[in-house]
Amino acid sequence: MRERCAAYRLAGGVAEYGAVAYDHRTGRVHELLTQEDRRRLDRVRAALAETPGAVIDSGYQRAVRAYRFDNKGRRHGLGPEGAATALLAGGVAGTVRAIDGAMQTDFMVNVIDKASGLRLLAGGDQIALAVGDSAEDVPMLRMARLAAAPANADAAVRASGVRIFSRPCQAGLAQAVEALVGHRSGRCGECEARQLEPRSRLLLTLLSFAPHGCWRTRDPSRGRKTP
């Protein structure tokens, strides 16, 4: 989080489903989990540690992330039944939720969500833009003046009434940013990419393939945009 805030010149960020917020302006880390919250998540970890085939991701220090591998070595989440079993075994059903993903299942206490960390980080300031594509993003989306989602958004996001853009994933995010600033990215002196190193140009070219779309920069020698 610190590295991303420094690289993208961000005021701060929220991680692990809102369990922690980092204020880059002060360098302060805000922990939102209480001791009881941590104990409940530790019970989930203990239950998963006793579950045959379940792998716990040690990179997650607050939320719990777990997955399993099938007989072909492909990674999957625990599935609804596996997640429910872990919650019951840990004695935390009703106080901890399972968040199912394509390649993992995450667990977080019910009293914390992405809006929790964002609310702390923002203070009294209004959120200009929020973009998300899953049910876990809905509380955060409700806080923003412009709440948006890419075309791949799930049913919960679509039902929340946010603005759905026509393109999926990162391309949809780009559309949302363009709606906020009022023009396509790269069309003003603040957001255009200038004098890129060859390796940076190569990276952007690779990233421009579908579904991300095309990037543009200004050719300083000709004063025009080039793909």
C-alpha atoms as a PDB file:
ATOM      1  CA  MET A   1       0.000   0.000   0.000  1.00  0.00           C
ATOM      2  CA  ARG A   2       2.800   2.428   0.883  1.00  0.00           C
ATOM      3  CA  GLU A   3       4.549   1.712  -2.419  1.00  0.00           C
ATOM      4  CA  ARG A   4       1.379   2.191  -4.454  1.00  0.00           C
ATOM      5  CA  CYS A   5       0.511   5.453  -2.735  1.00  0.00           C
ATOM      6  CA  ALA A   6       4.010   6.758  -3.437  1.00  0.00           C
ATOM      7  CA  ALA A   7       4.013   5.573  -7.062  1.00  0.00           C
ATOM      8  CA  TYR A   8       0.559   6.946  -7.907  1.00  0.00           C
ATOM      9  CA  ARG A   9       0.789  10.042  -5.702  1.00  0.00           C
ATOM     10  CA  LEU A  10      -2.221   9.007  -3.640  1.00  0.00           C
ATOM     11  CA  ALA A  11      -3.261  10.517  -0.328  1.00  0.00           C
ATOM     12  CA  GLY A  12      -3.812   7.049   1.103  1.00  0.00           C
ATOM     13  CA  GLY A  13      -5.456   3.705   0.619  1.00  0.00           C
ATOM     14  CA  VAL A  14      -7.567   0.959   2.172  1.00  0.00           C
ATOM     15  CA  ALA A  15      -6.659  -2.723   2.193  1.00  0.00           C
ATOM     16  CA  GLU A  16      -8.047  -6.132   3.142  1.00  0.00           C
ATOM     17  CA  TYR A  17     -11.743  -5.287   2.819  1.00  0.00           C
ATOM     18  CA  GLY A  18     -11.451  -2.112   4.884  1.00  0.00           C
ATOM     19  CA  ALA A  19      -9.634  -3.660   7.841  1.00  0.00           C
ATOM     20  CA  VAL A  20      -6.723  -1.244   7.547  1.00  0.00           C
ATOM     21  CA  ALA A  21      -6.304   2.274   6.175  1.00  0.00           C
ATOM     22  CA  TYR A  22      -3.035   4.002   5.353  1.00  0.00           C
ATOM     23  CA  ASP A  23      -2.706   7.796   5.341  1.00  0.00           C
ATOM     24  CA  HIS A  24       0.204   8.606   3.050  1.00  0.00           C
ATOM     25  CA  ARG A  25       0.142  12.258   4.089  1.00  0.00           C
ATOM     26  CA  THR A  26       1.078  11.403   7.674  1.00  0.00           C
ATOM     27  CA  GLY A  27       2.541   7.915   7.208  1.00  0.00           C
ATOM     28  CA  ARG A  28       0.065   6.593   9.760  1.00  0.00           C
ATOM     29  CA  VAL A  29      -1.568   3.162   9.599  1.00  0.00           C
ATOM     30  CA  HIS A  30      -5.079   2.889  11.056  1.00  0.00           C
ATOM     31  CA  GLU A  31      -6.181  -0.550  12.254  1.00  0.00           C
ATOM     32  CA  LEU A  32      -9.957  -0.946  12.239  1.00  0.00           C
ATOM     33  CA  LEU A  33     -10.217  -4.461  13.657  1.00  0.00           C
ATOM     34  CA  THR A  34     -10.915  -4.769  17.374  1.00  0.00           C
ATOM     35  CA  GLN A  35      -9.333  -7.494  19.493  1.00  0.00           C
ATOM     36  CA  GLU A  36     -12.583  -9.429  19.333  1.00  0.00           C
ATOM     37  CA  ASP A  37     -12.624  -9.089  15.533  1.00  0.00           C
ATOM     38  CA  ARG A  38      -9.116 -10.523  15.400  1.00  0.00           C
ATOM     39  CA  ARG A  39     -10.051 -13.412  17.670  1.00  0.00           C
ATOM     40  CA  ARG A  40     -12.966 -14.310  15.407  1.00  0.00           C
ATOM     41  CA  LEU A  41     -10.769 -14.296  12.319  1.00  0.00           C
ATOM     42  CA  ASP A  42      -8.153 -16.358  14.163  1.00  0.00           C
ATOM     43  CA  ARG A  43     -10.864 -18.947  14.823  1.00  0.00           C
ATOM     44  CA  VAL A  44     -11.473 -19.135  11.091  1.00  0.00           C
ATOM     45  CA  ARG A  45      -7.746 -19.637  10.486  1.00  0.00           C
ATOM     46  CA  ALA A  46      -7.659 -22.403  13.092  1.00  0.00           C
ATOM     47  CA  ALA A  47     -10.631 -24.137  11.485  1.00  0.00           C
ATOM     48  CA  LEU A  48      -9.068 -23.895   8.035  1.00  0.00           C
ATOM     49  CA  ALA A  49      -5.760 -25.234   9.345  1.00  0.00           C
ATOM     50  CA  GLU A  50      -7.643 -28.424  10.275  1.00  0.00           C
ATOM     51  CA  THR A  51      -9.404 -28.635   6.909  1.00  0.00           C
ATOM     52  CA  PRO A  52      -7.821 -31.181   4.524  1.00  0.00           C
ATOM     53  CA  GLY A  53      -6.652 -29.551   1.299  1.00  0.00           C
ATOM     54  CA  ALA A  54      -7.230 -25.958   2.436  1.00  0.00           C
ATOM     55  CA  VAL A  55      -4.296 -23.553   2.007  1.00  0.00           C
ATOM     56  CA  ILE A  56      -4.154 -20.334   4.054  1.00  0.00           C
ATOM     57  CA  ASP A  57      -2.505 -17.336   2.365  1.00  0.00           C
ATOM     58  CA  SER A  58       0.005 -16.006   4.889  1.00  0.00           C
ATOM     59  CA  GLY A  59       0.225 -12.700   3.013  1.00  0.00           C
ATOM     60  CA  TYR A  60      -3.108 -11.639   4.496  1.00  0.00           C
ATOM     61  CA  GLN A  61      -2.568 -10.400   8.041  1.00  0.00           C
ATOM     62  CA  ARG A  62      -6.083  -9.151   8.786  1.00  0.00           C
ATOM     63  CA  ALA A  63      -8.584 -10.732   6.423  1.00  0.00           C
ATOM     64  CA  VAL A  64      -8.321 -14.494   5.948  1.00  0.00           C
ATOM     65  CA  ARG A  65      -7.709 -15.827   2.453  1.00  0.00           C
ATOM     66  CA  ALA A  66      -7.835 -19.532   1.688  1.00  0.00           C
ATOM     67  CA  TYR A  67      -7.957 -21.749  -1.381  1.00  0.00           C
ATOM     68  CA  ARG A  68      -7.461 -25.310  -2.545  1.00  0.00           C
ATOM     69  CA  PHE A  69      -6.018 -27.078  -5.581  1.00  0.00           C
ATOM     70  CA  ASP A  70      -7.865 -29.637  -7.672  1.00  0.00           C
ATOM     71  CA  ASN A  71      -6.308 -32.852  -8.994  1.00  0.00           C
ATOM     72  CA  LYS A  72      -4.986 -30.968 -12.035  1.00  0.00           C
ATOM     73  CA  GLY A  73      -3.170 -28.400  -9.908  1.00  0.00           C
ATOM     74  CA  ARG A  74      -5.644 -25.621 -10.606  1.00  0.00           C
ATOM     75  CA  ARG A  75      -6.410 -23.194  -7.797  1.00  0.00           C
ATOM     76  CA  HIS A  76      -9.990 -22.681  -6.603  1.00  0.00           C
ATOM     77  CA  GLY A  77     -11.906 -21.110  -3.771  1.00  0.00           C
ATOM     78  CA  LEU A  78     -13.410 -23.253  -1.010  1.00  0.00           C
ATOM     79  CA  GLY A  79     -16.922 -23.006  -2.425  1.00  0.00           C
ATOM     80  CA  PRO A  80     -20.068 -22.178  -0.424  1.00  0.00           C
ATOM     81  CA  GLU A  81     -20.104 -25.490   1.429  1.00  0.00           C
ATOM     82  CA  GLY A  82     -16.423 -25.349   2.372  1.00  0.00           C
ATOM     83  CA  ALA A  83     -16.736 -21.745   3.551  1.00  0.00           C
ATOM     84  CA  ALA A  84     -19.847 -22.517   5.615  1.00  0.00           C
ATOM     85  CA  THR A  85     -18.099 -25.483   7.213  1.00  0.00           C
ATOM     86  CA  ALA A  86     -15.144 -23.300   8.239  1.00  0.00           C
ATOM     87  CA  LEU A  87     -17.447 -20.667   9.770  1.00  0.00           C
ATOM     88  CA  LEU A  88     -19.384 -23.277  11.732  1.00  0.00           C
ATOM     89  CA  ALA A  89     -16.223 -25.045  12.887  1.00  0.00           C
ATOM     90  CA  GLY A  90     -14.808 -21.735  14.073  1.00  0.00           C
ATOM     91  CA  GLY A  91     -18.012 -20.830  15.882  1.00  0.00           C
ATOM     92  CA  VAL A  92     -18.269 -17.515  14.050  1.00  0.00           C
ATOM     93  CA  ALA A  93     -21.228 -18.055  11.703  1.00  0.00           C
ATOM     94  CA  GLY A  94     -23.289 -14.881  11.712  1.00  0.00           C
ATOM     95  CA  THR A  95     -20.390 -12.633  12.749  1.00  0.00           C
ATOM     96  CA  VAL A  96     -17.893 -13.391   9.952  1.00  0.00           C
ATOM     97  CA  ARG A  97     -18.797 -13.526   6.248  1.00  0.00           C
ATOM     98  CA  ALA A  98     -17.238 -15.560   3.461  1.00  0.00           C
ATOM     99  CA  ILE A  99     -16.406 -13.736   0.237  1.00  0.00           C
ATOM    100  CA  ASP A 100     -16.237 -16.174  -2.639  1.00  0.00           C
ATOM    101  CA  GLY A 101     -13.885 -15.547  -5.546  1.00  0.00           C
ATOM    102  CA  ALA A 102     -12.831 -17.471  -8.631  1.00  0.00           C
ATOM    103  CA  MET A 103      -9.526 -18.605  -7.137  1.00  0.00           C
ATOM    104  CA  GLN A 104      -9.934 -17.948  -3.406  1.00  0.00           C
ATOM    105  CA  THR A 105     -12.358 -17.526  -0.543  1.00  0.00           C
ATOM    106  CA  ASP A 106     -11.840 -14.595   1.816  1.00  0.00           C
ATOM    107  CA  PHE A 107     -13.253 -14.039   5.288  1.00  0.00           C
ATOM    108  CA  MET A 108     -13.946 -10.750   7.083  1.00  0.00           C
ATOM    109  CA  VAL A 109     -15.963  -9.757  10.146  1.00  0.00           C
ATOM    110  CA  ASN A 110     -19.403  -8.410   9.304  1.00  0.00           C
ATOM    111  CA  VAL A 111     -18.842  -5.047  10.992  1.00  0.00           C
ATOM    112  CA  ILE A 112     -16.011  -4.078   8.618  1.00  0.00           C
ATOM    113  CA  ASP A 113     -16.278  -3.363   4.898  1.00  0.00           C
ATOM    114  CA  LYS A 114     -14.493  -1.246   2.301  1.00  0.00           C
ATOM    115  CA  ALA A 115     -16.522   1.814   3.278  1.00  0.00           C
ATOM    116  CA  SER A 116     -15.206   1.577   6.856  1.00  0.00           C
ATOM    117  CA  GLY A 117     -11.615   2.276   5.893  1.00  0.00           C
ATOM    118  CA  LEU A 118     -12.541   4.781   3.204  1.00  0.00           C
ATOM    119  CA  ARG A 119     -14.716   6.742   5.638  1.00  0.00           C
ATOM    120  CA  LEU A 120     -11.835   7.026   8.096  1.00  0.00           C
ATOM    121  CA  LEU A 121      -9.383   8.016   5.389  1.00  0.00           C
ATOM    122  CA  ALA A 122     -11.655  10.638   3.833  1.00  0.00           C
ATOM    123  CA  GLY A 123     -12.629  12.310   7.088  1.00  0.00           C
ATOM    124  CA  GLY A 124     -15.377  14.753   6.207  1.00  0.00           C
ATOM    125  CA  ASP A 125     -14.424  15.074   2.537  1.00  0.00           C
ATOM    126  CA  GLN A 126     -16.813  13.859  -0.129  1.00  0.00           C
ATOM    127  CA  ILE A 127     -15.698  10.944  -2.289  1.00  0.00           C
ATOM    128  CA  ALA A 128     -15.573  12.099  -5.913  1.00  0.00           C
ATOM    129  CA  LEU A 129     -15.464   8.706  -7.627  1.00  0.00           C
ATOM    130  CA  ALA A 130     -15.779   5.059  -6.646  1.00  0.00           C
ATOM    131  CA  VAL A 131     -15.588   2.160  -9.080  1.00  0.00           C
ATOM    132  CA  GLY A 132     -16.317  -1.459  -8.242  1.00  0.00           C
ATOM    133  CA  ASP A 133     -17.655  -4.658  -9.763  1.00  0.00           C
ATOM    134  CA  SER A 134     -18.700  -6.912  -6.872  1.00  0.00           C
ATOM    135  CA  ALA A 135     -21.083  -6.972  -3.914  1.00  0.00           C
ATOM    136  CA  GLU A 136     -18.214  -6.133  -1.552  1.00  0.00           C
ATOM    137  CA  ASP A 137     -17.834  -2.793  -3.345  1.00  0.00           C
ATOM    138  CA  VAL A 138     -21.429  -1.646  -2.839  1.00  0.00           C
ATOM    139  CA  PRO A 139     -20.927   0.068   0.583  1.00  0.00           C
ATOM    140  CA  MET A 140     -18.007   2.014  -0.873  1.00  0.00           C
ATOM    141  CA  LEU A 141     -19.949   2.920  -4.006  1.00  0.00           C
ATOM    142  CA  ARG A 142     -22.751   4.414  -1.916  1.00  0.00           C
ATOM    143  CA  MET A 143     -20.322   7.005  -0.548  1.00  0.00           C
ATOM    144  CA  ALA A 144     -19.298   8.515  -3.887  1.00  0.00           C
ATOM    145  CA  ARG A 145     -20.690  11.421  -5.852  1.00  0.00           C
ATOM    146  CA  LEU A 146     -20.064   9.393  -9.012  1.00  0.00           C
ATOM    147  CA  ALA A 147     -20.521   5.676  -8.353  1.00  0.00           C
ATOM    148  CA  ALA A 148     -19.592   3.565 -11.356  1.00  0.00           C
ATOM    149  CA  ALA A 149     -19.019   0.003 -12.455  1.00  0.00           C
ATOM    150  CA  PRO A 150     -17.492  -1.701 -15.499  1.00  0.00           C
ATOM    151  CA  ALA A 151     -19.591  -3.913 -17.758  1.00  0.00           C
ATOM    152  CA  ASN A 152     -18.540  -7.072 -15.903  1.00  0.00           C
ATOM    153  CA  ALA A 153     -20.186  -5.909 -12.653  1.00  0.00           C
ATOM    154  CA  ASP A 154     -22.167  -8.547 -10.777  1.00  0.00           C
ATOM    155  CA  ALA A 155     -25.896  -8.524 -10.044  1.00  0.00           C
ATOM    156  CA  ALA A 156     -25.529  -6.879  -6.628  1.00  0.00           C
ATOM    157  CA  VAL A 157     -23.698  -3.899  -8.111  1.00  0.00           C
ATOM    158  CA  ARG A 158     -26.193  -3.561 -10.959  1.00  0.00           C
ATOM    159  CA  ALA A 159     -29.089  -3.644  -8.497  1.00  0.00           C
ATOM    160  CA  SER A 160     -27.513  -0.843  -6.435  1.00  0.00           C
ATOM    161  CA  GLY A 161     -28.313   1.723  -9.118  1.00  0.00           C
ATOM    162  CA  VAL A 162     -24.764   2.834  -9.950  1.00  0.00           C
ATOM    163  CA  ARG A 163     -23.760   3.932 -13.431  1.00  0.00           C
ATOM    164  CA  ILE A 164     -22.698   0.949 -15.542  1.00  0.00           C
ATOM    165  CA  PHE A 165     -20.191   1.626 -18.302  1.00  0.00           C
ATOM    166  CA  SER A 166     -20.072  -0.248 -21.584  1.00  0.00           C
ATOM    167  CA  ARG A 167     -16.600  -1.760 -21.308  1.00  0.00           C
ATOM    168  CA  PRO A 168     -15.368  -4.401 -18.826  1.00  0.00           C
ATOM    169  CA  CYS A 169     -12.567  -4.429 -16.272  1.00  0.00           C
ATOM    170  CA  GLN A 170      -9.840  -1.768 -16.591  1.00  0.00           C
ATOM    171  CA  ALA A 171     -11.353  -0.327 -19.762  1.00  0.00           C
ATOM    172  CA  GLY A 172     -14.550   0.354 -17.825  1.00  0.00           C
ATOM    173  CA  LEU A 173     -12.512   1.999 -15.085  1.00  0.00           C
ATOM    174  CA  ALA A 174     -10.941   4.248 -17.716  1.00  0.00           C
ATOM    175  CA  GLN A 175     -14.416   5.232 -18.928  1.00  0.00           C
ATOM    176  CA  ALA A 176     -15.426   6.161 -15.387  1.00  0.00           C
ATOM    177  CA  VAL A 177     -12.335   8.326 -14.965  1.00  0.00           C
ATOM    178  CA  GLU A 178     -13.071  10.038 -18.279  1.00  0.00           C
ATOM    179  CA  ALA A 179     -16.630  10.749 -17.100  1.00  0.00           C
ATOM    180  CA  LEU A 180     -15.246  12.330 -13.948  1.00  0.00           C
ATOM    181  CA  VAL A 181     -12.605  14.562 -15.571  1.00  0.00           C
ATOM    182  CA  GLY A 182     -14.675  15.373 -18.661  1.00  0.00           C
ATOM    183  CA  HIS A 183     -12.369  14.136 -21.402  1.00  0.00           C
ATOM    184  CA  ARG A 184     -10.488  11.059 -22.583  1.00  0.00           C
ATOM    185  CA  SER A 185      -7.338  10.238 -20.738  1.00  0.00           C
ATOM    186  CA  GLY A 186      -4.255  11.759 -22.332  1.00  0.00           C
ATOM    187  CA  ARG A 187      -6.167  14.746 -23.710  1.00  0.00           C
ATOM    188  CA  CYS A 188      -4.776  17.348 -21.314  1.00  0.00           C
ATOM    189  CA  GLY A 189      -1.395  18.418 -19.983  1.00  0.00           C
ATOM    190  CA  GLU A 190      -2.056  16.836 -16.587  1.00  0.00           C
ATOM    191  CA  CYS A 191      -2.795  13.280 -17.698  1.00  0.00           C
ATOM    192  CA  GLU A 192      -0.959  12.787 -20.980  1.00  0.00           C
ATOM    193  CA  ALA A 193       2.100  10.550 -21.068  1.00  0.00           C
ATOM    194  CA  ARG A 194       5.155  12.392 -22.385  1.00  0.00           C
ATOM    195  CA  GLN A 195       8.627  11.302 -23.419  1.00  0.00           C
ATOM    196  CA  LEU A 196       8.244   7.691 -22.385  1.00  0.00           C
ATOM    197  CA  GLU A 197      11.255   5.421 -22.171  1.00  0.00           C
ATOM    198  CA  PRO A 198      11.222   2.594 -24.745  1.00  0.00           C
ATOM    199  CA  ARG A 199      10.492  -0.022 -22.072  1.00  0.00           C
ATOM    200  CA  SER A 200       7.591   2.043 -20.740  1.00  0.00           C
ATOM    201  CA  ARG A 201       6.182   2.444 -24.252  1.00  0.00           C
ATOM    202  CA  LEU A 202       6.476  -1.326 -24.766  1.00  0.00           C
ATOM    203  CA  LEU A 203       4.663  -2.028 -21.484  1.00  0.00           C
ATOM    204  CA  LEU A 204       1.798   0.316 -22.365  1.00  0.00           C
ATOM    205  CA  THR A 205       1.548  -1.200 -25.824  1.00  0.00           C
ATOM    206  CA  LEU A 206       1.168  -4.668 -24.297  1.00  0.00           C
ATOM    207  CA  LEU A 207      -1.417  -3.401 -21.839  1.00  0.00           C
ATOM    208  CA  SER A 208      -3.378  -1.770 -24.650  1.00  0.00           C
ATOM    209  CA  PHE A 209      -4.532  -5.100 -26.083  1.00  0.00           C
ATOM    210  CA  ALA A 210      -8.167  -6.124 -25.529  1.00  0.00           C
ATOM    211  CA  PRO A 211     -10.031  -5.726 -23.278  1.00  0.00           C
ATOM    212  CA  HIS A 212      -8.066  -2.689 -22.150  1.00  0.00           C
ATOM    213  CA  GLY A 213      -8.249  -0.709 -25.385  1.00  0.00           C
ATOM    214  CA  CYS A 214      -5.754   1.708 -26.873  1.00  0.00           C
ATOM    215  CA  TRP A 215      -3.497   4.175 -25.094  1.00  0.00           C
ATOM    216  CA  ARG A 216      -2.262   7.396 -26.618  1.00  0.00           C
ATOM    217  CA  THR A 217       0.563   9.801 -25.993  1.00  0.00           C
ATOM    218  CA  ARG A 218       1.674  13.039 -27.534  1.00  0.00           C
ATOM    219  CA  ASP A 219       4.524  13.051 -30.027  1.00  0.00           C
ATOM    220  CA  PRO A 220       6.466  16.144 -28.883  1.00  0.00           C
ATOM    221  CA  SER A 221       8.203  16.490 -32.244  1.00  0.00           C
ATOM    222  CA  ARG A 222       4.947  16.598 -34.204  1.00  0.00           C
ATOM    223  CA  GLY A 223       2.503  17.924 -31.658  1.00  0.00           C
ATOM    224  CA  ARG A 224      -0.024  15.173 -32.268  1.00  0.00           C
ATOM    225  CA  LYS A 225      -1.338  12.045 -30.632  1.00  0.00           C
ATOM    226  CA  THR A 226       0.136   8.717 -31.623  1.00  0.00           C
ATOM    227  CA  PRO A 227      -1.179   5.232 -30.775  1.00  0.00           C
END
